Amino acid sequence: MDFFVGTIEWVEGDTSFLTNIWARGSHVGEAIQRILSAAKLNEIESPVLIDLEGCEVDDIIEGAVAVDRGNSFIDPREYSFPTQYSYKFPYGVIPVRNAEHSIDVDAIRPGYETWRDDDGLINVEAVIEREEIFDFYVSLVETLPEIRTFWLKLQEDWEEFGSEEIYACDELTTSLEIRDFLRDNWIDTVLNGHVALTTYTDEGHTNLSISDHKMVVLLTYDERIAKTVCASLKHSGLNRHEDMLSVAGGVHHWHYRHADGRDRQGLIRLLCDKGFKLWVP
């Protein structure tokens, strides 16, 4: 097992607090769960992990308090400051602690941007708060014309596999079926930072995705579909930005899966049982 250290933030009234927690984990997601559990065991309500870094046991500060049978340690010191808005990164991605980022992480805000490339492909990308991603995505799927297929893309660096894999299911062809599949397999899909998921319709060769960065992404050649999606995002309270900041655009970060989620081979077995097939180009 490896050791990790993360910064925990929480709010009490008009004051926010920060402290450090160290935890063991066989993978990033397991360490994150131990960090959050340690915070709650120390009566921190609604803890939010804002960054993470790999470390050694020797890096744990003197005076840190052991929690969870020595699988985690909490810094008894707390740092306070006036509460202000901060974007909560979706489950599955987290900034690397003390890394040099090309953008200001604190400046990230929910919103969307759209542009058309030289080939006429319309791009729409939306940064959404972690609690709202599922509802946003399902509501947008409902606006699509006839759905042809739904697929999951497993990233090439997940468990050092070395290649990207796509598993597609032609039996999930309605927004209700896709919603139910995602709800039933929430931990292994929406919350898995090693996985992107896509709904595809032939009209406009349209892909509507939750990326591995847990952003909602639309790619389409159909202007009507793009306008409908943008209108839906705007109606939901998102503002359009010309130069939107996101974790994908200059934040050094980790991807991780939930501690209770399946490993790569376990997810592949689940997908095959659900009628998904490996797509070979």
C-alpha atoms as a PDB file:
ATOM      1  CA  MET A   1       0.000   0.000   0.000  1.00  0.00           C
ATOM      2  CA  ASP A   2       1.018   3.587  -0.651  1.00  0.00           C
ATOM      3  CA  PHE A   3       0.610   6.640   1.548  1.00  0.00           C
ATOM      4  CA  PHE A   4      -1.125   9.844   0.486  1.00  0.00           C
ATOM      5  CA  VAL A   5      -1.722  13.224   2.087  1.00  0.00           C
ATOM      6  CA  GLY A   6      -4.660  15.484   1.296  1.00  0.00           C
ATOM      7  CA  THR A   7      -6.042  18.852   2.321  1.00  0.00           C
ATOM      8  CA  ILE A   8      -9.516  18.747   3.857  1.00  0.00           C
ATOM      9  CA  GLU A   9     -11.783  21.803   3.841  1.00  0.00           C
ATOM     10  CA  TRP A  10     -14.997  22.284   5.776  1.00  0.00           C
ATOM     11  CA  VAL A  11     -17.329  25.134   6.675  1.00  0.00           C
ATOM     12  CA  GLU A  12     -18.775  26.243   9.986  1.00  0.00           C
ATOM     13  CA  GLY A  13     -21.036  29.244   9.524  1.00  0.00           C
ATOM     14  CA  ASP A  14     -19.078  32.050   7.904  1.00  0.00           C
ATOM     15  CA  THR A  15     -15.708  30.419   8.578  1.00  0.00           C
ATOM     16  CA  SER A  16     -13.913  27.755   6.578  1.00  0.00           C
ATOM     17  CA  PHE A  17     -11.201  25.476   7.915  1.00  0.00           C
ATOM     18  CA  LEU A  18      -8.317  23.474   6.464  1.00  0.00           C
ATOM     19  CA  THR A  19      -6.288  20.614   7.837  1.00  0.00           C
ATOM     20  CA  ASN A  20      -4.129  17.744   6.571  1.00  0.00           C
ATOM     21  CA  ILE A  21      -4.904  14.041   6.671  1.00  0.00           C
ATOM     22  CA  TRP A  22      -2.566  11.190   5.707  1.00  0.00           C
ATOM     23  CA  ALA A  23      -3.913   7.772   4.695  1.00  0.00           C
ATOM     24  CA  ARG A  24      -2.890   4.420   3.289  1.00  0.00           C
ATOM     25  CA  GLY A  25      -4.434   3.104   0.097  1.00  0.00           C
ATOM     26  CA  SER A  26      -3.876   0.364  -2.461  1.00  0.00           C
ATOM     27  CA  HIS A  27      -5.132   2.905  -5.006  1.00  0.00           C
ATOM     28  CA  VAL A  28      -6.020   6.601  -4.930  1.00  0.00           C
ATOM     29  CA  GLY A  29      -9.740   6.075  -4.392  1.00  0.00           C
ATOM     30  CA  GLU A  30      -9.173   3.884  -1.340  1.00  0.00           C
ATOM     31  CA  ALA A  31      -6.875   6.504   0.205  1.00  0.00           C
ATOM     32  CA  ILE A  32      -9.432   9.221  -0.473  1.00  0.00           C
ATOM     33  CA  GLN A  33     -12.165   7.241   1.252  1.00  0.00           C
ATOM     34  CA  ARG A  34      -9.925   6.752   4.289  1.00  0.00           C
ATOM     35  CA  ILE A  35      -9.104  10.469   4.355  1.00  0.00           C
ATOM     36  CA  LEU A  36     -12.779  11.443   4.279  1.00  0.00           C
ATOM     37  CA  SER A  37     -13.670   8.786   6.864  1.00  0.00           C
ATOM     38  CA  ALA A  38     -10.919  10.045   9.170  1.00  0.00           C
ATOM     39  CA  ALA A  39     -12.315  13.566   8.897  1.00  0.00           C
ATOM     40  CA  LYS A  40     -15.799  12.391   9.836  1.00  0.00           C
ATOM     41  CA  LEU A  41     -14.447  10.346  12.752  1.00  0.00           C
ATOM     42  CA  ASN A  42     -12.971  13.628  13.986  1.00  0.00           C
ATOM     43  CA  GLU A  43     -16.427  15.237  13.868  1.00  0.00           C
ATOM     44  CA  ILE A  44     -15.770  17.236  10.706  1.00  0.00           C
ATOM     45  CA  GLU A  45     -19.127  17.621   8.972  1.00  0.00           C
ATOM     46  CA  SER A  46     -19.277  17.587   5.171  1.00  0.00           C
ATOM     47  CA  PRO A  47     -15.495  17.391   4.597  1.00  0.00           C
ATOM     48  CA  VAL A  48     -14.270  18.197   1.091  1.00  0.00           C
ATOM     49  CA  LEU A  49     -10.926  16.967  -0.237  1.00  0.00           C
ATOM     50  CA  ILE A  50      -9.364  19.747  -2.304  1.00  0.00           C
ATOM     51  CA  ASP A  51      -6.032  18.180  -3.292  1.00  0.00           C
ATOM     52  CA  LEU A  52      -3.921  15.042  -2.887  1.00  0.00           C
ATOM     53  CA  GLU A  53      -0.281  14.015  -3.037  1.00  0.00           C
ATOM     54  CA  GLY A  54       1.665  10.793  -2.703  1.00  0.00           C
ATOM     55  CA  CYS A  55       3.992  10.678   0.279  1.00  0.00           C
ATOM     56  CA  GLU A  56       6.038   8.472   2.585  1.00  0.00           C
ATOM     57  CA  VAL A  57       5.293   7.386   6.128  1.00  0.00           C
ATOM     58  CA  ASP A  58       8.189   9.545   7.268  1.00  0.00           C
ATOM     59  CA  ASP A  59       6.389  12.600   5.875  1.00  0.00           C
ATOM     60  CA  ILE A  60       3.684  12.403   8.541  1.00  0.00           C
ATOM     61  CA  ILE A  61       4.283  15.295  10.909  1.00  0.00           C
ATOM     62  CA  GLU A  62       5.172  14.769  14.526  1.00  0.00           C
ATOM     63  CA  GLY A  63       2.040  15.149  16.621  1.00  0.00           C
ATOM     64  CA  ALA A  64      -0.355  13.805  13.984  1.00  0.00           C
ATOM     65  CA  VAL A  65      -3.156  11.772  15.573  1.00  0.00           C
ATOM     66  CA  ALA A  66      -3.678   8.180  14.437  1.00  0.00           C
ATOM     67  CA  VAL A  67      -7.160   7.288  13.187  1.00  0.00           C
ATOM     68  CA  ASP A  68      -8.670   4.055  11.867  1.00  0.00           C
ATOM     69  CA  ARG A  69      -6.111   1.706  13.488  1.00  0.00           C
ATOM     70  CA  GLY A  70      -3.208   3.652  12.069  1.00  0.00           C
ATOM     71  CA  ASN A  71      -4.422   3.590   8.470  1.00  0.00           C
ATOM     72  CA  SER A  72      -4.879   7.358   8.600  1.00  0.00           C
ATOM     73  CA  PHE A  73      -3.482  10.289  10.582  1.00  0.00           C
ATOM     74  CA  ILE A  74      -4.899  13.772  11.099  1.00  0.00           C
ATOM     75  CA  ASP A  75      -3.068  17.015  11.747  1.00  0.00           C
ATOM     76  CA  PRO A  76      -4.515  18.495  14.979  1.00  0.00           C
ATOM     77  CA  ARG A  77      -3.775  21.997  13.695  1.00  0.00           C
ATOM     78  CA  GLU A  78      -6.530  23.854  11.840  1.00  0.00           C
ATOM     79  CA  TYR A  79      -6.274  26.894   9.581  1.00  0.00           C
ATOM     80  CA  SER A  80      -9.284  29.205   9.319  1.00  0.00           C
ATOM     81  CA  PHE A  81     -10.370  31.887   6.850  1.00  0.00           C
ATOM     82  CA  PRO A  82     -13.615  33.630   5.792  1.00  0.00           C
ATOM     83  CA  THR A  83     -15.835  31.335   3.749  1.00  0.00           C
ATOM     84  CA  GLN A  84     -16.039  32.033   0.031  1.00  0.00           C
ATOM     85  CA  TYR A  85     -17.170  30.027  -2.970  1.00  0.00           C
ATOM     86  CA  SER A  86     -14.878  27.259  -4.174  1.00  0.00           C
ATOM     87  CA  TYR A  87     -15.608  24.795  -6.954  1.00  0.00           C
ATOM     88  CA  LYS A  88     -15.985  21.209  -5.767  1.00  0.00           C
ATOM     89  CA  PHE A  89     -14.242  18.876  -8.167  1.00  0.00           C
ATOM     90  CA  PRO A  90     -16.393  15.975  -9.371  1.00  0.00           C
ATOM     91  CA  TYR A  91     -15.719  12.582  -7.840  1.00  0.00           C
ATOM     92  CA  GLY A  92     -13.113  10.840  -9.996  1.00  0.00           C
ATOM     93  CA  VAL A  93     -10.628  13.715 -10.426  1.00  0.00           C
ATOM     94  CA  ILE A  94      -8.647  15.690  -7.845  1.00  0.00           C
ATOM     95  CA  PRO A  95      -5.804  18.242  -8.201  1.00  0.00           C
ATOM     96  CA  VAL A  96      -2.303  17.149  -7.259  1.00  0.00           C
ATOM     97  CA  ARG A  97      -1.126  18.913  -4.134  1.00  0.00           C
ATOM     98  CA  ASN A  98       1.710  21.441  -4.470  1.00  0.00           C
ATOM     99  CA  ALA A  99       1.788  20.995  -8.256  1.00  0.00           C
ATOM    100  CA  GLU A 100       2.403  23.857 -10.639  1.00  0.00           C
ATOM    101  CA  HIS A 101      -0.824  24.504 -12.530  1.00  0.00           C
ATOM    102  CA  SER A 102      -1.063  26.604 -15.684  1.00  0.00           C
ATOM    103  CA  ILE A 103      -4.386  28.033 -14.473  1.00  0.00           C
ATOM    104  CA  ASP A 104      -5.660  29.286 -11.138  1.00  0.00           C
ATOM    105  CA  VAL A 105      -7.527  26.331  -9.635  1.00  0.00           C
ATOM    106  CA  ASP A 106      -9.490  28.666  -7.343  1.00  0.00           C
ATOM    107  CA  ALA A 107     -10.849  30.493 -10.403  1.00  0.00           C
ATOM    108  CA  ILE A 108     -12.718  27.452 -11.793  1.00  0.00           C
ATOM    109  CA  ARG A 109     -16.478  28.039 -11.939  1.00  0.00           C
ATOM    110  CA  PRO A 110     -19.436  26.076 -13.330  1.00  0.00           C
ATOM    111  CA  GLY A 111     -20.360  27.121 -16.859  1.00  0.00           C
ATOM    112  CA  TYR A 112     -20.063  26.114 -20.495  1.00  0.00           C
ATOM    113  CA  GLU A 113     -18.344  27.150 -23.676  1.00  0.00           C
ATOM    114  CA  THR A 114     -19.032  26.318 -27.314  1.00  0.00           C
ATOM    115  CA  TRP A 115     -17.149  26.645 -30.597  1.00  0.00           C
ATOM    116  CA  ARG A 116     -17.062  25.205 -34.109  1.00  0.00           C
ATOM    117  CA  ASP A 117     -13.857  23.756 -35.527  1.00  0.00           C
ATOM    118  CA  ASP A 118     -12.574  23.999 -39.101  1.00  0.00           C
ATOM    119  CA  ASP A 119     -14.457  20.848 -40.132  1.00  0.00           C
ATOM    120  CA  GLY A 120     -17.781  22.221 -38.924  1.00  0.00           C
ATOM    121  CA  LEU A 121     -17.885  20.092 -35.761  1.00  0.00           C
ATOM    122  CA  ILE A 122     -19.647  21.937 -32.935  1.00  0.00           C
ATOM    123  CA  ASN A 123     -18.099  21.496 -29.500  1.00  0.00           C
ATOM    124  CA  VAL A 124     -19.894  22.190 -26.236  1.00  0.00           C
ATOM    125  CA  GLU A 125     -18.100  21.620 -22.910  1.00  0.00           C
ATOM    126  CA  ALA A 126     -19.685  22.172 -19.507  1.00  0.00           C
ATOM    127  CA  VAL A 127     -18.114  22.361 -16.049  1.00  0.00           C
ATOM    128  CA  ILE A 128     -20.703  21.226 -13.523  1.00  0.00           C
ATOM    129  CA  GLU A 129     -20.767  20.861  -9.742  1.00  0.00           C
ATOM    130  CA  ARG A 130     -20.214  17.303  -8.561  1.00  0.00           C
ATOM    131  CA  GLU A 131     -23.719  16.740  -7.177  1.00  0.00           C
ATOM    132  CA  GLU A 132     -25.424  17.796 -10.410  1.00  0.00           C
ATOM    133  CA  ILE A 133     -23.594  15.849 -13.126  1.00  0.00           C
ATOM    134  CA  PHE A 134     -25.985  12.883 -13.273  1.00  0.00           C
ATOM    135  CA  ASP A 135     -29.142  15.008 -13.484  1.00  0.00           C
ATOM    136  CA  PHE A 136     -27.582  17.346 -16.049  1.00  0.00           C
ATOM    137  CA  TYR A 137     -26.484  14.486 -18.255  1.00  0.00           C
ATOM    138  CA  VAL A 138     -29.748  12.558 -18.163  1.00  0.00           C
ATOM    139  CA  SER A 139     -31.751  15.701 -18.923  1.00  0.00           C
ATOM    140  CA  LEU A 140     -29.564  16.359 -21.980  1.00  0.00           C
ATOM    141  CA  VAL A 141     -29.852  12.752 -23.195  1.00  0.00           C
ATOM    142  CA  GLU A 142     -33.619  13.232 -23.139  1.00  0.00           C
ATOM    143  CA  THR A 143     -33.286  16.015 -25.745  1.00  0.00           C
ATOM    144  CA  LEU A 144     -31.482  13.820 -28.288  1.00  0.00           C
ATOM    145  CA  PRO A 145     -33.235  12.295 -31.303  1.00  0.00           C
ATOM    146  CA  GLU A 146     -33.224   8.531 -31.834  1.00  0.00           C
ATOM    147  CA  ILE A 147     -30.326   6.976 -29.902  1.00  0.00           C
ATOM    148  CA  ARG A 148     -28.282   4.393 -31.755  1.00  0.00           C
ATOM    149  CA  THR A 149     -25.864   3.161 -29.090  1.00  0.00           C
ATOM    150  CA  PHE A 150     -24.276   3.851 -25.709  1.00  0.00           C
ATOM    151  CA  TRP A 151     -20.684   3.094 -24.777  1.00  0.00           C
ATOM    152  CA  LEU A 152     -18.062   3.317 -22.049  1.00  0.00           C
ATOM    153  CA  LYS A 153     -14.436   4.139 -22.801  1.00  0.00           C
ATOM    154  CA  LEU A 154     -11.831   2.745 -20.401  1.00  0.00           C
ATOM    155  CA  GLN A 155      -8.721   4.910 -20.353  1.00  0.00           C
ATOM    156  CA  GLU A 156      -5.401   3.466 -21.419  1.00  0.00           C
ATOM    157  CA  ASP A 157      -3.566   4.290 -18.190  1.00  0.00           C
ATOM    158  CA  TRP A 158      -6.069   2.636 -15.867  1.00  0.00           C
ATOM    159  CA  GLU A 159      -4.102  -0.018 -13.993  1.00  0.00           C
ATOM    160  CA  GLU A 160      -1.236   0.392 -16.481  1.00  0.00           C
ATOM    161  CA  PHE A 161      -3.240  -1.536 -19.081  1.00  0.00           C
ATOM    162  CA  GLY A 162      -1.543   0.305 -21.921  1.00  0.00           C
ATOM    163  CA  SER A 163      -4.446   0.706 -24.335  1.00  0.00           C
ATOM    164  CA  GLU A 164      -7.851   2.342 -24.511  1.00  0.00           C
ATOM    165  CA  GLU A 165     -10.918   0.093 -24.766  1.00  0.00           C
ATOM    166  CA  ILE A 166     -14.496   0.901 -25.761  1.00  0.00           C
ATOM    167  CA  TYR A 167     -17.439  -1.292 -24.733  1.00  0.00           C
ATOM    168  CA  ALA A 168     -20.690  -0.519 -26.552  1.00  0.00           C
ATOM    169  CA  CYS A 169     -24.284  -1.604 -26.032  1.00  0.00           C
ATOM    170  CA  ASP A 170     -26.820  -1.245 -28.854  1.00  0.00           C
ATOM    171  CA  GLU A 171     -29.635  -2.272 -26.508  1.00  0.00           C
ATOM    172  CA  LEU A 172     -29.558   0.970 -24.489  1.00  0.00           C
ATOM    173  CA  THR A 173     -31.434   3.185 -26.930  1.00  0.00           C
ATOM    174  CA  THR A 174     -33.689   5.335 -24.745  1.00  0.00           C
ATOM    175  CA  SER A 175     -32.936   7.987 -22.158  1.00  0.00           C
ATOM    176  CA  LEU A 176     -34.814   5.909 -19.563  1.00  0.00           C
ATOM    177  CA  GLU A 177     -32.676   2.822 -20.203  1.00  0.00           C
ATOM    178  CA  ILE A 178     -29.469   4.847 -20.048  1.00  0.00           C
ATOM    179  CA  ARG A 179     -30.604   6.600 -16.866  1.00  0.00           C
ATOM    180  CA  ASP A 180     -31.420   3.290 -15.181  1.00  0.00           C
ATOM    181  CA  PHE A 181     -28.109   1.721 -16.219  1.00  0.00           C
ATOM    182  CA  LEU A 182     -26.117   4.670 -14.858  1.00  0.00           C
ATOM    183  CA  ARG A 183     -28.141   4.805 -11.660  1.00  0.00           C
ATOM    184  CA  ASP A 184     -27.698   1.067 -11.050  1.00  0.00           C
ATOM    185  CA  ASN A 185     -23.955   1.275 -11.757  1.00  0.00           C
ATOM    186  CA  TRP A 186     -23.287   4.771 -10.438  1.00  0.00           C
ATOM    187  CA  ILE A 187     -19.999   3.992  -8.685  1.00  0.00           C
ATOM    188  CA  ASP A 188     -18.438   2.282 -11.714  1.00  0.00           C
ATOM    189  CA  THR A 189     -19.524   4.831 -14.325  1.00  0.00           C
ATOM    190  CA  VAL A 190     -20.323   8.399 -13.248  1.00  0.00           C
ATOM    191  CA  LEU A 191     -17.924   8.273 -10.287  1.00  0.00           C
ATOM    192  CA  ASN A 192     -15.071   6.486 -12.079  1.00  0.00           C
ATOM    193  CA  GLY A 193     -12.383   8.913 -13.222  1.00  0.00           C
ATOM    194  CA  HIS A 194     -10.864   6.240 -15.468  1.00  0.00           C
ATOM    195  CA  VAL A 195     -14.071   5.954 -17.497  1.00  0.00           C
ATOM    196  CA  ALA A 196     -15.845   8.191 -20.035  1.00  0.00           C
ATOM    197  CA  LEU A 197     -19.407   7.432 -21.123  1.00  0.00           C
ATOM    198  CA  THR A 198     -21.135   8.424 -24.362  1.00  0.00           C
ATOM    199  CA  THR A 199     -24.614   8.421 -25.891  1.00  0.00           C
ATOM    200  CA  TYR A 200     -24.549   8.408 -29.701  1.00  0.00           C
ATOM    201  CA  THR A 201     -27.164   9.376 -32.282  1.00  0.00           C
ATOM    202  CA  ASP A 202     -26.696   9.268 -36.060  1.00  0.00           C
ATOM    203  CA  GLU A 203     -28.256  12.698 -36.477  1.00  0.00           C
ATOM    204  CA  GLY A 204     -25.301  15.053 -36.742  1.00  0.00           C
ATOM    205  CA  HIS A 205     -22.959  12.172 -35.833  1.00  0.00           C
ATOM    206  CA  THR A 206     -23.599  13.331 -32.280  1.00  0.00           C
ATOM    207  CA  ASN A 207     -21.693  12.237 -29.177  1.00  0.00           C
ATOM    208  CA  LEU A 208     -22.976  13.376 -25.778  1.00  0.00           C
ATOM    209  CA  SER A 209     -20.514  12.369 -23.058  1.00  0.00           C
ATOM    210  CA  ILE A 210     -19.425  12.566 -19.473  1.00  0.00           C
ATOM    211  CA  SER A 211     -15.672  12.680 -19.997  1.00  0.00           C
ATOM    212  CA  ASP A 212     -13.048  11.061 -17.790  1.00  0.00           C
ATOM    213  CA  HIS A 213     -12.562  14.590 -16.392  1.00  0.00           C
ATOM    214  CA  LYS A 214     -16.251  14.465 -15.402  1.00  0.00           C
ATOM    215  CA  MET A 215     -17.262  17.278 -17.702  1.00  0.00           C
ATOM    216  CA  VAL A 216     -20.323  17.116 -19.948  1.00  0.00           C
ATOM    217  CA  VAL A 217     -19.156  17.241 -23.576  1.00  0.00           C
ATOM    218  CA  LEU A 218     -21.197  17.460 -26.781  1.00  0.00           C
ATOM    219  CA  LEU A 219     -19.729  16.885 -30.241  1.00  0.00           C
ATOM    220  CA  THR A 220     -22.150  17.312 -33.153  1.00  0.00           C
ATOM    221  CA  TYR A 221     -22.497  18.520 -36.715  1.00  0.00           C
ATOM    222  CA  ASP A 222     -26.163  19.302 -36.103  1.00  0.00           C
ATOM    223  CA  GLU A 223     -26.755  22.949 -35.217  1.00  0.00           C
ATOM    224  CA  ARG A 224     -30.241  22.269 -33.864  1.00  0.00           C
ATOM    225  CA  ILE A 225     -28.944  19.704 -31.364  1.00  0.00           C
ATOM    226  CA  ALA A 226     -26.189  22.096 -30.256  1.00  0.00           C
ATOM    227  CA  LYS A 227     -28.668  24.944 -29.753  1.00  0.00           C
ATOM    228  CA  THR A 228     -30.997  22.675 -27.758  1.00  0.00           C
ATOM    229  CA  VAL A 229     -28.206  21.493 -25.468  1.00  0.00           C
ATOM    230  CA  CYS A 230     -26.878  25.035 -24.920  1.00  0.00           C
ATOM    231  CA  ALA A 231     -30.384  26.289 -24.179  1.00  0.00           C
ATOM    232  CA  SER A 232     -30.868  23.497 -21.648  1.00  0.00           C
ATOM    233  CA  LEU A 233     -27.553  24.304 -19.946  1.00  0.00           C
ATOM    234  CA  LYS A 234     -28.437  27.979 -19.790  1.00  0.00           C
ATOM    235  CA  HIS A 235     -31.922  27.204 -18.446  1.00  0.00           C
ATOM    236  CA  SER A 236     -30.261  25.131 -15.690  1.00  0.00           C
ATOM    237  CA  GLY A 237     -28.336  28.187 -14.527  1.00  0.00           C
ATOM    238  CA  LEU A 238     -24.990  27.790 -16.303  1.00  0.00           C
ATOM    239  CA  ASN A 239     -23.388  30.849 -17.885  1.00  0.00           C
ATOM    240  CA  ARG A 240     -21.463  30.754 -21.135  1.00  0.00           C
ATOM    241  CA  HIS A 241     -17.747  31.579 -20.913  1.00  0.00           C
ATOM    242  CA  GLU A 242     -15.389  32.471 -23.741  1.00  0.00           C
ATOM    243  CA  ASP A 243     -12.311  30.992 -22.043  1.00  0.00           C
ATOM    244  CA  MET A 244     -13.696  28.534 -19.542  1.00  0.00           C
ATOM    245  CA  LEU A 245     -11.344  27.111 -16.932  1.00  0.00           C
ATOM    246  CA  SER A 246     -11.481  23.409 -16.128  1.00  0.00           C
ATOM    247  CA  VAL A 247      -9.471  20.562 -14.645  1.00  0.00           C
ATOM    248  CA  ALA A 248      -8.746  19.406 -18.210  1.00  0.00           C
ATOM    249  CA  GLY A 249      -7.205  22.728 -19.186  1.00  0.00           C
ATOM    250  CA  GLY A 250      -4.079  23.053 -17.118  1.00  0.00           C
ATOM    251  CA  VAL A 251      -4.593  21.441 -13.706  1.00  0.00           C
ATOM    252  CA  HIS A 252      -2.164  18.685 -12.770  1.00  0.00           C
ATOM    253  CA  HIS A 253      -4.514  16.040 -11.364  1.00  0.00           C
ATOM    254  CA  TRP A 254      -5.199  12.454 -10.370  1.00  0.00           C
ATOM    255  CA  HIS A 255      -7.876  10.185 -11.857  1.00  0.00           C
ATOM    256  CA  TYR A 256      -9.323   7.628  -9.462  1.00  0.00           C
ATOM    257  CA  ARG A 257     -12.119   5.140  -8.894  1.00  0.00           C
ATOM    258  CA  HIS A 258     -14.307   4.692  -5.837  1.00  0.00           C
ATOM    259  CA  ALA A 259     -12.968   2.458  -3.071  1.00  0.00           C
ATOM    260  CA  ASP A 260     -16.075   0.268  -3.462  1.00  0.00           C
ATOM    261  CA  GLY A 261     -15.875   0.256  -7.253  1.00  0.00           C
ATOM    262  CA  ARG A 262     -14.739  -2.564  -9.486  1.00  0.00           C
ATOM    263  CA  ASP A 263     -11.236  -2.794 -10.879  1.00  0.00           C
ATOM    264  CA  ARG A 264     -10.788  -2.767 -14.656  1.00  0.00           C
ATOM    265  CA  GLN A 265     -11.376  -6.468 -15.222  1.00  0.00           C
ATOM    266  CA  GLY A 266     -14.312  -6.453 -12.825  1.00  0.00           C
ATOM    267  CA  LEU A 267     -15.965  -3.633 -14.766  1.00  0.00           C
ATOM    268  CA  ILE A 268     -15.363  -5.426 -18.062  1.00  0.00           C
ATOM    269  CA  ARG A 269     -17.083  -8.545 -16.700  1.00  0.00           C
ATOM    270  CA  LEU A 270     -20.041  -6.435 -15.561  1.00  0.00           C
ATOM    271  CA  LEU A 271     -20.337  -4.767 -18.959  1.00  0.00           C
ATOM    272  CA  CYS A 272     -20.230  -8.074 -20.805  1.00  0.00           C
ATOM    273  CA  ASP A 273     -22.958  -9.437 -18.508  1.00  0.00           C
ATOM    274  CA  LYS A 274     -25.069  -6.363 -19.364  1.00  0.00           C
ATOM    275  CA  GLY A 275     -24.795  -6.897 -23.127  1.00  0.00           C
ATOM    276  CA  PHE A 276     -21.842  -4.623 -23.883  1.00  0.00           C
ATOM    277  CA  LYS A 277     -19.310  -5.756 -26.470  1.00  0.00           C
ATOM    278  CA  LEU A 278     -15.739  -4.698 -27.088  1.00  0.00           C
ATOM    279  CA  TRP A 279     -15.701  -2.340 -30.074  1.00  0.00           C
ATOM    280  CA  VAL A 280     -12.944  -3.075 -32.569  1.00  0.00           C
ATOM    281  CA  PRO A 281     -12.396  -0.328 -35.183  1.00  0.00           C
END
